[in-house]
Each structure stands twice: as structure tokens, then as C-alpha cells.
Amino acid sequence: MGKELKTNAMRFLDKSKIEYTVQTYECDEFIDGIHTAEKLGQPLDETFKTLVAQGKSGSYYCFLIPVALELDMKKAAKSVGEKSVELIHVKDITKITGYVRGGCTPIGMKKQFMTVVHESAAELPMFFISGGRIGTQIHLSPQELVKAIRGKFEDIIMQ
């Protein structure tokens, strides 16, 4: 059996001594988070997607929300102290984060951006996030993740 290829996200978690498990699935190209969760049998409310936005100030931010929900741009902007935020264009994801669409995760990016995780994750013992490449999911404690990346929990979804 070949050695598992570690992503930057996994190396960060190892270095931070955060326990996690990895789930992989066959996938040659991007599929959305809902289909990924269904393919792996993961509950939608425990499977989070990573969205990257740029604030009016020019700073970048990560927002983690359940895969089936939508980011409330006003709440997101307020959570990071910006007047407004806009999601970055798909073509810019790799340049800004170092990850590809469908493999973007808030850990192990080129630069650590301020990260806000939807408050529902604070109640979960474990959740699923992208593992840093298409076809890889990481299952870990939201509290440990937020502590390690100095993020925070807030209400950032549309009602």
C-alpha cells in the first residue's frame, strides 16, 4: 500500500497536534459540497464548505458554512469588521489560497486568513471540511480548528 500523500492542511494539523481522520473519494474534477457529503454519507449539517472573500479594505477572509446553506454577505462583512465583502472569482482561488476549487480549506493556505466558522459548528464534537485537494475530506473538532487558526464562531448564514 502506498504512502498517503499529505496535504498542507494535514501537515498543519499534524504540527498543531490536532487529531483528525481523512476520508477520500474518487473524483477527477470539482463536485459541490452537497454531492460530496452525499457520496460519503456525511450529514449535510456537519459538512462545511470554505468560501473565500475579499473585503472593501482589500483583505481576504475565509468563511466556513454548512454545505447546503448560503453565506449572508452583510453578516460576513460585519463579522470581520468590513463594510462589505465579495466572494473571490473562481479563477483566482489558486492564486490567492494555493488550493484548487473543491479542495480549498482554511488551513495550510499560502497565507492564513482570518476565518469565521458558522456558529452551528461550535455545538458539534466533529465536522467535515475539505482536506486540501479534490477527493479528500478531513473530520476534526471545530473547536480545535478554530483555536489553532485563531478563528471564531459567528452567525454568518442567510436565514
N, C-alpha and C. Protein backbone atom coordinates (compact mmCIF):
# COMPACT_ATOMS: atom_id res chain seq x y z
N MET A 1 0.85 -1.19 0.00
CA MET A 1 0.00 0.00 0.00
C MET A 1 0.89 1.24 0.00
N GLY A 2 0.59 2.19 -0.87
CA GLY A 2 1.41 3.39 -0.98
C GLY A 2 1.23 4.33 0.20
N LYS A 3 2.22 5.16 0.38
CA LYS A 3 2.17 6.15 1.46
C LYS A 3 1.13 7.21 1.12
N GLU A 4 0.31 7.56 2.10
CA GLU A 4 -0.72 8.58 1.89
C GLU A 4 -0.03 9.94 1.66
N LEU A 5 -0.48 10.63 0.63
CA LEU A 5 0.07 11.94 0.36
C LEU A 5 -0.57 12.97 1.28
N LYS A 6 0.25 13.63 2.07
CA LYS A 6 -0.26 14.65 2.99
C LYS A 6 -0.42 15.97 2.25
N THR A 7 -1.50 16.65 2.58
CA THR A 7 -1.71 17.99 2.05
C THR A 7 -1.14 19.00 3.04
N ASN A 8 -1.04 20.25 2.64
CA ASN A 8 -0.59 21.29 3.57
C ASN A 8 -1.50 21.33 4.79
N ALA A 9 -2.79 21.12 4.59
CA ALA A 9 -3.75 21.13 5.70
C ALA A 9 -3.41 20.03 6.70
N MET A 10 -3.12 18.84 6.23
CA MET A 10 -2.78 17.72 7.11
C MET A 10 -1.47 17.98 7.85
N ARG A 11 -0.50 18.54 7.13
CA ARG A 11 0.79 18.86 7.79
C ARG A 11 0.58 19.88 8.90
N PHE A 12 -0.28 20.89 8.65
CA PHE A 12 -0.59 21.90 9.67
C PHE A 12 -1.23 21.24 10.89
N LEU A 13 -2.20 20.35 10.66
CA LEU A 13 -2.88 19.68 11.77
C LEU A 13 -1.91 18.79 12.54
N ASP A 14 -1.02 18.08 11.83
CA ASP A 14 -0.02 17.25 12.50
C ASP A 14 0.88 18.10 13.39
N LYS A 15 1.36 19.21 12.82
CA LYS A 15 2.26 20.11 13.55
C LYS A 15 1.55 20.71 14.77
N SER A 16 0.25 20.98 14.63
CA SER A 16 -0.54 21.57 15.72
C SER A 16 -1.06 20.51 16.70
N LYS A 17 -0.72 19.24 16.42
CA LYS A 17 -1.15 18.12 17.27
C LYS A 17 -2.68 18.04 17.41
N ILE A 18 -3.36 18.25 16.29
CA ILE A 18 -4.81 18.15 16.25
C ILE A 18 -5.18 16.81 15.60
N GLU A 19 -5.98 16.03 16.31
CA GLU A 19 -6.41 14.74 15.78
C GLU A 19 -7.43 14.94 14.66
N TYR A 20 -7.30 14.11 13.64
CA TYR A 20 -8.23 14.17 12.51
C TYR A 20 -8.22 12.83 11.80
N THR A 21 -9.26 12.58 11.06
CA THR A 21 -9.29 11.42 10.18
C THR A 21 -9.52 11.94 8.76
N VAL A 22 -9.12 11.15 7.80
CA VAL A 22 -9.23 11.53 6.39
C VAL A 22 -10.20 10.59 5.69
N GLN A 23 -11.08 11.16 4.90
CA GLN A 23 -11.97 10.38 4.03
C GLN A 23 -11.65 10.79 2.61
N THR A 24 -11.45 9.81 1.75
CA THR A 24 -11.18 10.12 0.35
C THR A 24 -12.29 9.53 -0.52
N TYR A 25 -12.42 10.08 -1.70
CA TYR A 25 -13.40 9.61 -2.66
C TYR A 25 -12.87 9.84 -4.05
N GLU A 26 -13.33 9.03 -4.98
CA GLU A 26 -12.91 9.16 -6.37
C GLU A 26 -13.57 10.39 -6.99
N CYS A 27 -12.76 11.25 -7.55
CA CYS A 27 -13.29 12.47 -8.16
C CYS A 27 -12.20 13.09 -9.02
N ASP A 28 -12.47 13.25 -10.29
CA ASP A 28 -11.49 13.83 -11.19
C ASP A 28 -11.60 15.34 -11.29
N GLU A 29 -12.80 15.85 -10.99
CA GLU A 29 -13.00 17.29 -11.10
C GLU A 29 -13.92 17.76 -9.99
N PHE A 30 -14.10 19.06 -9.88
CA PHE A 30 -14.92 19.66 -8.84
C PHE A 30 -16.34 19.10 -8.82
N ILE A 31 -16.79 18.72 -7.61
CA ILE A 31 -18.22 18.48 -7.39
C ILE A 31 -18.57 19.27 -6.14
N ASP A 32 -19.80 19.76 -6.07
CA ASP A 32 -20.14 20.62 -4.94
C ASP A 32 -20.20 19.84 -3.64
N GLY A 33 -20.23 20.59 -2.53
CA GLY A 33 -20.19 20.02 -1.20
C GLY A 33 -21.35 19.11 -0.86
N ILE A 34 -22.53 19.43 -1.39
CA ILE A 34 -23.70 18.59 -1.12
C ILE A 34 -23.49 17.21 -1.73
N HIS A 35 -23.03 17.16 -2.98
CA HIS A 35 -22.78 15.87 -3.62
C HIS A 35 -21.64 15.11 -2.94
N THR A 36 -20.63 15.83 -2.49
CA THR A 36 -19.53 15.20 -1.77
C THR A 36 -20.04 14.56 -0.48
N ALA A 37 -20.82 15.31 0.29
CA ALA A 37 -21.37 14.79 1.55
C ALA A 37 -22.24 13.56 1.29
N GLU A 38 -23.09 13.64 0.28
CA GLU A 38 -23.97 12.51 -0.03
C GLU A 38 -23.16 11.29 -0.47
N LYS A 39 -22.13 11.52 -1.26
CA LYS A 39 -21.27 10.43 -1.75
C LYS A 39 -20.60 9.71 -0.58
N LEU A 40 -20.22 10.47 0.45
CA LEU A 40 -19.52 9.90 1.60
C LEU A 40 -20.44 9.54 2.77
N GLY A 41 -21.74 9.81 2.62
CA GLY A 41 -22.68 9.51 3.69
C GLY A 41 -22.53 10.42 4.90
N GLN A 42 -22.08 11.64 4.66
CA GLN A 42 -21.88 12.62 5.74
C GLN A 42 -23.14 13.47 5.91
N PRO A 43 -23.54 13.76 7.17
CA PRO A 43 -24.69 14.66 7.38
C PRO A 43 -24.38 16.05 6.81
N LEU A 44 -25.36 16.63 6.11
CA LEU A 44 -25.14 17.95 5.50
C LEU A 44 -24.84 19.03 6.53
N ASP A 45 -25.44 18.94 7.73
CA ASP A 45 -25.20 19.97 8.74
C ASP A 45 -23.87 19.81 9.46
N GLU A 46 -23.13 18.73 9.16
CA GLU A 46 -21.80 18.52 9.75
C GLU A 46 -20.71 18.60 8.69
N THR A 47 -21.10 18.95 7.46
CA THR A 47 -20.16 19.06 6.36
C THR A 47 -20.11 20.53 5.94
N PHE A 48 -18.94 21.14 6.05
CA PHE A 48 -18.80 22.57 5.82
C PHE A 48 -17.97 22.86 4.58
N LYS A 49 -18.37 23.92 3.88
CA LYS A 49 -17.61 24.38 2.72
C LYS A 49 -16.83 25.63 3.11
N THR A 50 -15.73 25.84 2.41
CA THR A 50 -14.88 27.01 2.65
C THR A 50 -15.11 28.02 1.53
N LEU A 51 -15.48 29.23 1.91
CA LEU A 51 -15.66 30.31 0.95
C LEU A 51 -14.62 31.38 1.26
N VAL A 52 -14.02 31.92 0.22
CA VAL A 52 -13.02 32.97 0.40
C VAL A 52 -13.57 34.26 -0.18
N ALA A 53 -13.46 35.32 0.60
CA ALA A 53 -13.99 36.62 0.18
C ALA A 53 -12.94 37.69 0.39
N GLN A 54 -13.13 38.79 -0.32
CA GLN A 54 -12.26 39.96 -0.15
C GLN A 54 -13.10 41.11 0.36
N GLY A 55 -12.58 41.75 1.37
CA GLY A 55 -13.27 42.90 1.94
C GLY A 55 -12.96 44.17 1.19
N LYS A 56 -13.74 45.21 1.49
CA LYS A 56 -13.54 46.53 0.88
C LYS A 56 -12.10 47.02 1.11
N SER A 57 -11.51 46.61 2.24
CA SER A 57 -10.14 47.03 2.60
C SER A 57 -9.09 46.35 1.73
N GLY A 58 -9.49 45.28 1.02
CA GLY A 58 -8.53 44.52 0.22
C GLY A 58 -8.07 43.24 0.91
N SER A 59 -8.40 43.08 2.19
CA SER A 59 -8.02 41.88 2.93
C SER A 59 -8.91 40.70 2.52
N TYR A 60 -8.33 39.51 2.66
CA TYR A 60 -9.06 38.28 2.35
C TYR A 60 -9.51 37.60 3.64
N TYR A 61 -10.63 36.87 3.53
CA TYR A 61 -11.21 36.17 4.68
C TYR A 61 -11.75 34.82 4.24
N CYS A 62 -11.77 33.87 5.18
CA CYS A 62 -12.38 32.57 4.94
C CYS A 62 -13.64 32.48 5.78
N PHE A 63 -14.66 31.89 5.19
CA PHE A 63 -15.91 31.64 5.89
C PHE A 63 -16.26 30.16 5.70
N LEU A 64 -16.52 29.47 6.80
CA LEU A 64 -16.92 28.07 6.75
C LEU A 64 -18.38 27.97 7.14
N ILE A 65 -19.17 27.40 6.23
CA ILE A 65 -20.61 27.26 6.49
C ILE A 65 -21.07 25.87 6.05
N PRO A 66 -22.18 25.39 6.63
CA PRO A 66 -22.71 24.09 6.18
C PRO A 66 -22.93 24.11 4.67
N VAL A 67 -22.62 22.98 4.02
CA VAL A 67 -22.63 22.93 2.55
C VAL A 67 -23.96 23.28 1.90
N ALA A 68 -25.06 23.03 2.58
CA ALA A 68 -26.37 23.28 1.96
C ALA A 68 -26.89 24.69 2.20
N LEU A 69 -26.13 25.51 2.94
CA LEU A 69 -26.60 26.86 3.27
C LEU A 69 -25.83 27.91 2.48
N GLU A 70 -26.33 29.16 2.56
CA GLU A 70 -25.69 30.27 1.85
C GLU A 70 -25.14 31.30 2.81
N LEU A 71 -24.03 31.88 2.42
CA LEU A 71 -23.38 32.93 3.21
C LEU A 71 -24.19 34.22 3.11
N ASP A 72 -24.43 34.84 4.24
CA ASP A 72 -25.07 36.16 4.28
C ASP A 72 -23.92 37.17 4.20
N MET A 73 -23.83 37.86 3.09
CA MET A 73 -22.69 38.76 2.85
C MET A 73 -22.62 39.90 3.87
N LYS A 74 -23.77 40.42 4.30
CA LYS A 74 -23.77 41.50 5.29
C LYS A 74 -23.27 41.00 6.63
N LYS A 75 -23.76 39.84 7.07
CA LYS A 75 -23.31 39.26 8.34
C LYS A 75 -21.82 38.90 8.27
N ALA A 76 -21.40 38.38 7.11
CA ALA A 76 -20.00 38.01 6.93
C ALA A 76 -19.11 39.25 7.05
N ALA A 77 -19.50 40.32 6.38
CA ALA A 77 -18.72 41.56 6.44
C ALA A 77 -18.64 42.08 7.87
N LYS A 78 -19.76 42.09 8.55
CA LYS A 78 -19.80 42.58 9.93
C LYS A 78 -18.90 41.73 10.83
N SER A 79 -18.88 40.41 10.61
CA SER A 79 -18.10 39.51 11.45
C SER A 79 -16.59 39.76 11.36
N VAL A 80 -16.15 40.35 10.25
CA VAL A 80 -14.72 40.63 10.08
C VAL A 80 -14.41 42.13 10.10
N GLY A 81 -15.41 42.93 10.47
CA GLY A 81 -15.19 44.38 10.60
C GLY A 81 -15.04 45.12 9.29
N GLU A 82 -15.68 44.61 8.24
CA GLU A 82 -15.62 45.26 6.92
C GLU A 82 -16.98 45.88 6.60
N LYS A 83 -16.96 46.90 5.72
CA LYS A 83 -18.23 47.48 5.24
C LYS A 83 -18.93 46.49 4.34
N SER A 84 -18.15 45.78 3.53
CA SER A 84 -18.70 44.77 2.63
C SER A 84 -17.62 43.76 2.28
N VAL A 85 -18.07 42.58 1.85
CA VAL A 85 -17.17 41.55 1.33
C VAL A 85 -17.78 40.97 0.07
N GLU A 86 -16.92 40.51 -0.82
CA GLU A 86 -17.36 39.85 -2.05
C GLU A 86 -16.58 38.56 -2.20
N LEU A 87 -17.27 37.49 -2.60
CA LEU A 87 -16.58 36.23 -2.84
C LEU A 87 -15.58 36.43 -3.98
N ILE A 88 -14.42 35.80 -3.85
CA ILE A 88 -13.43 35.93 -4.91
C ILE A 88 -13.88 35.11 -6.11
N HIS A 89 -13.38 35.47 -7.27
CA HIS A 89 -13.73 34.77 -8.51
C HIS A 89 -13.06 33.40 -8.51
N VAL A 90 -13.75 32.40 -9.03
CA VAL A 90 -13.23 31.03 -9.08
C VAL A 90 -11.83 30.97 -9.69
N LYS A 91 -11.58 31.75 -10.72
CA LYS A 91 -10.28 31.72 -11.39
C LYS A 91 -9.14 32.22 -10.50
N ASP A 92 -9.48 32.94 -9.42
CA ASP A 92 -8.45 33.48 -8.53
C ASP A 92 -8.16 32.61 -7.30
N ILE A 93 -8.93 31.54 -7.11
CA ILE A 93 -8.79 30.73 -5.89
C ILE A 93 -7.36 30.21 -5.70
N THR A 94 -6.80 29.60 -6.73
CA THR A 94 -5.46 29.01 -6.59
C THR A 94 -4.41 30.08 -6.33
N LYS A 95 -4.49 31.19 -7.06
CA LYS A 95 -3.52 32.28 -6.90
C LYS A 95 -3.55 32.83 -5.47
N ILE A 96 -4.74 32.98 -4.89
CA ILE A 96 -4.88 33.59 -3.57
C ILE A 96 -4.63 32.59 -2.44
N THR A 97 -5.14 31.35 -2.59
CA THR A 97 -5.09 30.39 -1.48
C THR A 97 -4.03 29.31 -1.62
N GLY A 98 -3.64 29.00 -2.85
CA GLY A 98 -2.75 27.87 -3.08
C GLY A 98 -3.51 26.57 -3.28
N TYR A 99 -4.83 26.62 -3.13
CA TYR A 99 -5.68 25.44 -3.31
C TYR A 99 -6.54 25.59 -4.56
N VAL A 100 -7.07 24.45 -5.04
CA VAL A 100 -7.96 24.49 -6.19
C VAL A 100 -9.41 24.48 -5.73
N ARG A 101 -10.29 24.90 -6.61
CA ARG A 101 -11.73 24.88 -6.31
C ARG A 101 -12.13 23.44 -5.98
N GLY A 102 -12.83 23.28 -4.87
CA GLY A 102 -13.23 21.95 -4.44
C GLY A 102 -12.24 21.33 -3.48
N GLY A 103 -11.08 21.96 -3.33
CA GLY A 103 -10.06 21.46 -2.41
C GLY A 103 -9.61 22.53 -1.44
N CYS A 104 -10.32 23.65 -1.44
CA CYS A 104 -9.94 24.79 -0.61
C CYS A 104 -10.35 24.55 0.85
N THR A 105 -9.42 24.81 1.75
CA THR A 105 -9.64 24.63 3.18
C THR A 105 -9.00 25.80 3.91
N PRO A 106 -9.48 26.16 5.10
CA PRO A 106 -8.94 27.35 5.79
C PRO A 106 -7.57 27.13 6.42
N ILE A 107 -7.04 25.92 6.32
CA ILE A 107 -5.74 25.64 6.94
C ILE A 107 -4.70 25.28 5.89
N GLY A 108 -3.50 25.76 6.09
CA GLY A 108 -2.41 25.44 5.18
C GLY A 108 -2.40 26.25 3.90
N MET A 109 -3.13 27.36 3.88
CA MET A 109 -3.11 28.23 2.70
C MET A 109 -1.75 28.93 2.60
N LYS A 110 -1.52 29.57 1.47
CA LYS A 110 -0.29 30.35 1.29
C LYS A 110 -0.11 31.31 2.46
N LYS A 111 -1.21 31.93 2.88
CA LYS A 111 -1.23 32.88 3.99
C LYS A 111 -2.49 32.56 4.81
N GLN A 112 -2.36 32.62 6.13
CA GLN A 112 -3.52 32.34 6.98
C GLN A 112 -4.44 33.56 7.01
N PHE A 113 -5.65 33.40 6.50
CA PHE A 113 -6.61 34.49 6.52
C PHE A 113 -7.50 34.37 7.75
N MET A 114 -8.01 35.50 8.20
CA MET A 114 -8.97 35.49 9.29
C MET A 114 -10.12 34.59 8.87
N THR A 115 -10.52 33.68 9.77
CA THR A 115 -11.54 32.70 9.44
C THR A 115 -12.70 32.76 10.42
N VAL A 116 -13.91 32.77 9.85
CA VAL A 116 -15.13 32.76 10.65
C VAL A 116 -15.89 31.48 10.29
N VAL A 117 -16.22 30.72 11.32
CA VAL A 117 -16.94 29.46 11.15
C VAL A 117 -18.37 29.67 11.65
N HIS A 118 -19.35 29.19 10.89
CA HIS A 118 -20.73 29.36 11.32
C HIS A 118 -20.91 28.78 12.71
N GLU A 119 -21.65 29.49 13.53
CA GLU A 119 -21.82 29.16 14.94
C GLU A 119 -22.39 27.77 15.20
N SER A 120 -23.09 27.17 14.23
CA SER A 120 -23.64 25.82 14.44
C SER A 120 -22.52 24.80 14.67
N ALA A 121 -21.33 25.07 14.14
CA ALA A 121 -20.20 24.14 14.31
C ALA A 121 -19.73 24.10 15.76
N ALA A 122 -19.94 25.18 16.51
CA ALA A 122 -19.49 25.23 17.90
C ALA A 122 -20.17 24.17 18.75
N GLU A 123 -21.36 23.71 18.31
CA GLU A 123 -22.12 22.70 19.05
C GLU A 123 -21.74 21.28 18.64
N LEU A 124 -20.97 21.14 17.57
CA LEU A 124 -20.62 19.81 17.06
C LEU A 124 -19.33 19.29 17.67
N PRO A 125 -19.26 18.01 18.02
CA PRO A 125 -17.99 17.46 18.52
C PRO A 125 -16.97 17.34 17.38
N MET A 126 -17.47 17.04 16.16
CA MET A 126 -16.61 16.87 14.99
C MET A 126 -17.36 17.38 13.76
N PHE A 127 -16.59 17.83 12.76
CA PHE A 127 -17.22 18.18 11.48
C PHE A 127 -16.27 17.86 10.34
N PHE A 128 -16.80 17.93 9.12
CA PHE A 128 -16.03 17.63 7.93
C PHE A 128 -15.73 18.91 7.17
N ILE A 129 -14.47 19.05 6.73
CA ILE A 129 -14.07 20.16 5.87
C ILE A 129 -13.18 19.60 4.77
N SER A 130 -12.92 20.37 3.77
CA SER A 130 -12.05 19.92 2.69
C SER A 130 -10.66 19.62 3.25
N GLY A 131 -10.04 18.62 2.67
CA GLY A 131 -8.71 18.21 3.13
C GLY A 131 -7.56 18.84 2.38
N GLY A 132 -7.84 19.76 1.48
CA GLY A 132 -6.76 20.45 0.78
C GLY A 132 -6.53 19.98 -0.64
N ARG A 133 -7.36 19.07 -1.10
CA ARG A 133 -7.34 18.68 -2.51
C ARG A 133 -8.68 18.03 -2.83
N ILE A 134 -9.04 18.04 -4.09
CA ILE A 134 -10.28 17.40 -4.52
C ILE A 134 -10.18 15.92 -4.20
N GLY A 135 -11.27 15.38 -3.63
CA GLY A 135 -11.30 13.97 -3.30
C GLY A 135 -10.87 13.65 -1.88
N THR A 136 -10.65 14.69 -1.07
CA THR A 136 -10.19 14.48 0.30
C THR A 136 -10.98 15.35 1.28
N GLN A 137 -11.50 14.70 2.32
CA GLN A 137 -12.21 15.40 3.39
C GLN A 137 -11.50 15.10 4.72
N ILE A 138 -11.49 16.08 5.61
CA ILE A 138 -10.91 15.91 6.94
C ILE A 138 -12.04 16.00 7.96
N HIS A 139 -12.02 15.09 8.93
CA HIS A 139 -13.01 15.06 10.02
C HIS A 139 -12.26 15.44 11.29
N LEU A 140 -12.65 16.56 11.90
CA LEU A 140 -11.93 17.04 13.08
C LEU A 140 -12.84 17.86 13.98
N SER A 141 -12.31 18.26 15.12
CA SER A 141 -13.05 19.08 16.08
C SER A 141 -13.08 20.54 15.62
N PRO A 142 -14.28 21.12 15.50
CA PRO A 142 -14.35 22.54 15.11
C PRO A 142 -13.68 23.44 16.14
N GLN A 143 -13.82 23.09 17.43
CA GLN A 143 -13.22 23.92 18.49
C GLN A 143 -11.69 23.93 18.37
N GLU A 144 -11.11 22.75 18.12
CA GLU A 144 -9.65 22.68 17.98
C GLU A 144 -9.18 23.43 16.74
N LEU A 145 -9.94 23.31 15.66
CA LEU A 145 -9.58 24.03 14.44
C LEU A 145 -9.59 25.53 14.68
N VAL A 146 -10.68 26.04 15.23
CA VAL A 146 -10.82 27.48 15.46
C VAL A 146 -9.71 27.99 16.38
N LYS A 147 -9.39 27.23 17.39
CA LYS A 147 -8.31 27.62 18.32
C LYS A 147 -6.96 27.67 17.59
N ALA A 148 -6.68 26.66 16.76
CA ALA A 148 -5.39 26.57 16.07
C ALA A 148 -5.19 27.69 15.04
N ILE A 149 -6.28 28.10 14.37
CA ILE A 149 -6.15 29.13 13.33
C ILE A 149 -6.58 30.51 13.83
N ARG A 150 -6.86 30.59 15.13
CA ARG A 150 -7.30 31.84 15.75
C ARG A 150 -8.52 32.42 15.02
N GLY A 151 -9.47 31.52 14.72
CA GLY A 151 -10.71 31.93 14.08
C GLY A 151 -11.77 32.22 15.13
N LYS A 152 -13.02 32.26 14.68
CA LYS A 152 -14.12 32.49 15.62
C LYS A 152 -15.40 31.93 15.04
N PHE A 153 -16.37 31.71 15.94
CA PHE A 153 -17.69 31.24 15.55
C PHE A 153 -18.65 32.43 15.55
N GLU A 154 -19.44 32.56 14.48
CA GLU A 154 -20.47 33.60 14.43
C GLU A 154 -21.58 33.17 13.49
N ASP A 155 -22.72 33.86 13.59
CA ASP A 155 -23.84 33.61 12.68
C ASP A 155 -23.56 34.35 11.38
N ILE A 156 -23.27 33.60 10.32
CA ILE A 156 -22.92 34.22 9.05
C ILE A 156 -23.74 33.66 7.88
N ILE A 157 -24.84 32.96 8.19
CA ILE A 157 -25.63 32.39 7.10
C ILE A 157 -26.94 33.13 6.90
N MET A 158 -27.51 32.97 5.70
CA MET A 158 -28.82 33.55 5.42
C MET A 158 -29.86 32.76 6.18
N GLN A 159 -30.88 33.48 6.66
CA GLN A 159 -31.96 32.81 7.40
C GLN A 159 -33.04 32.34 6.49
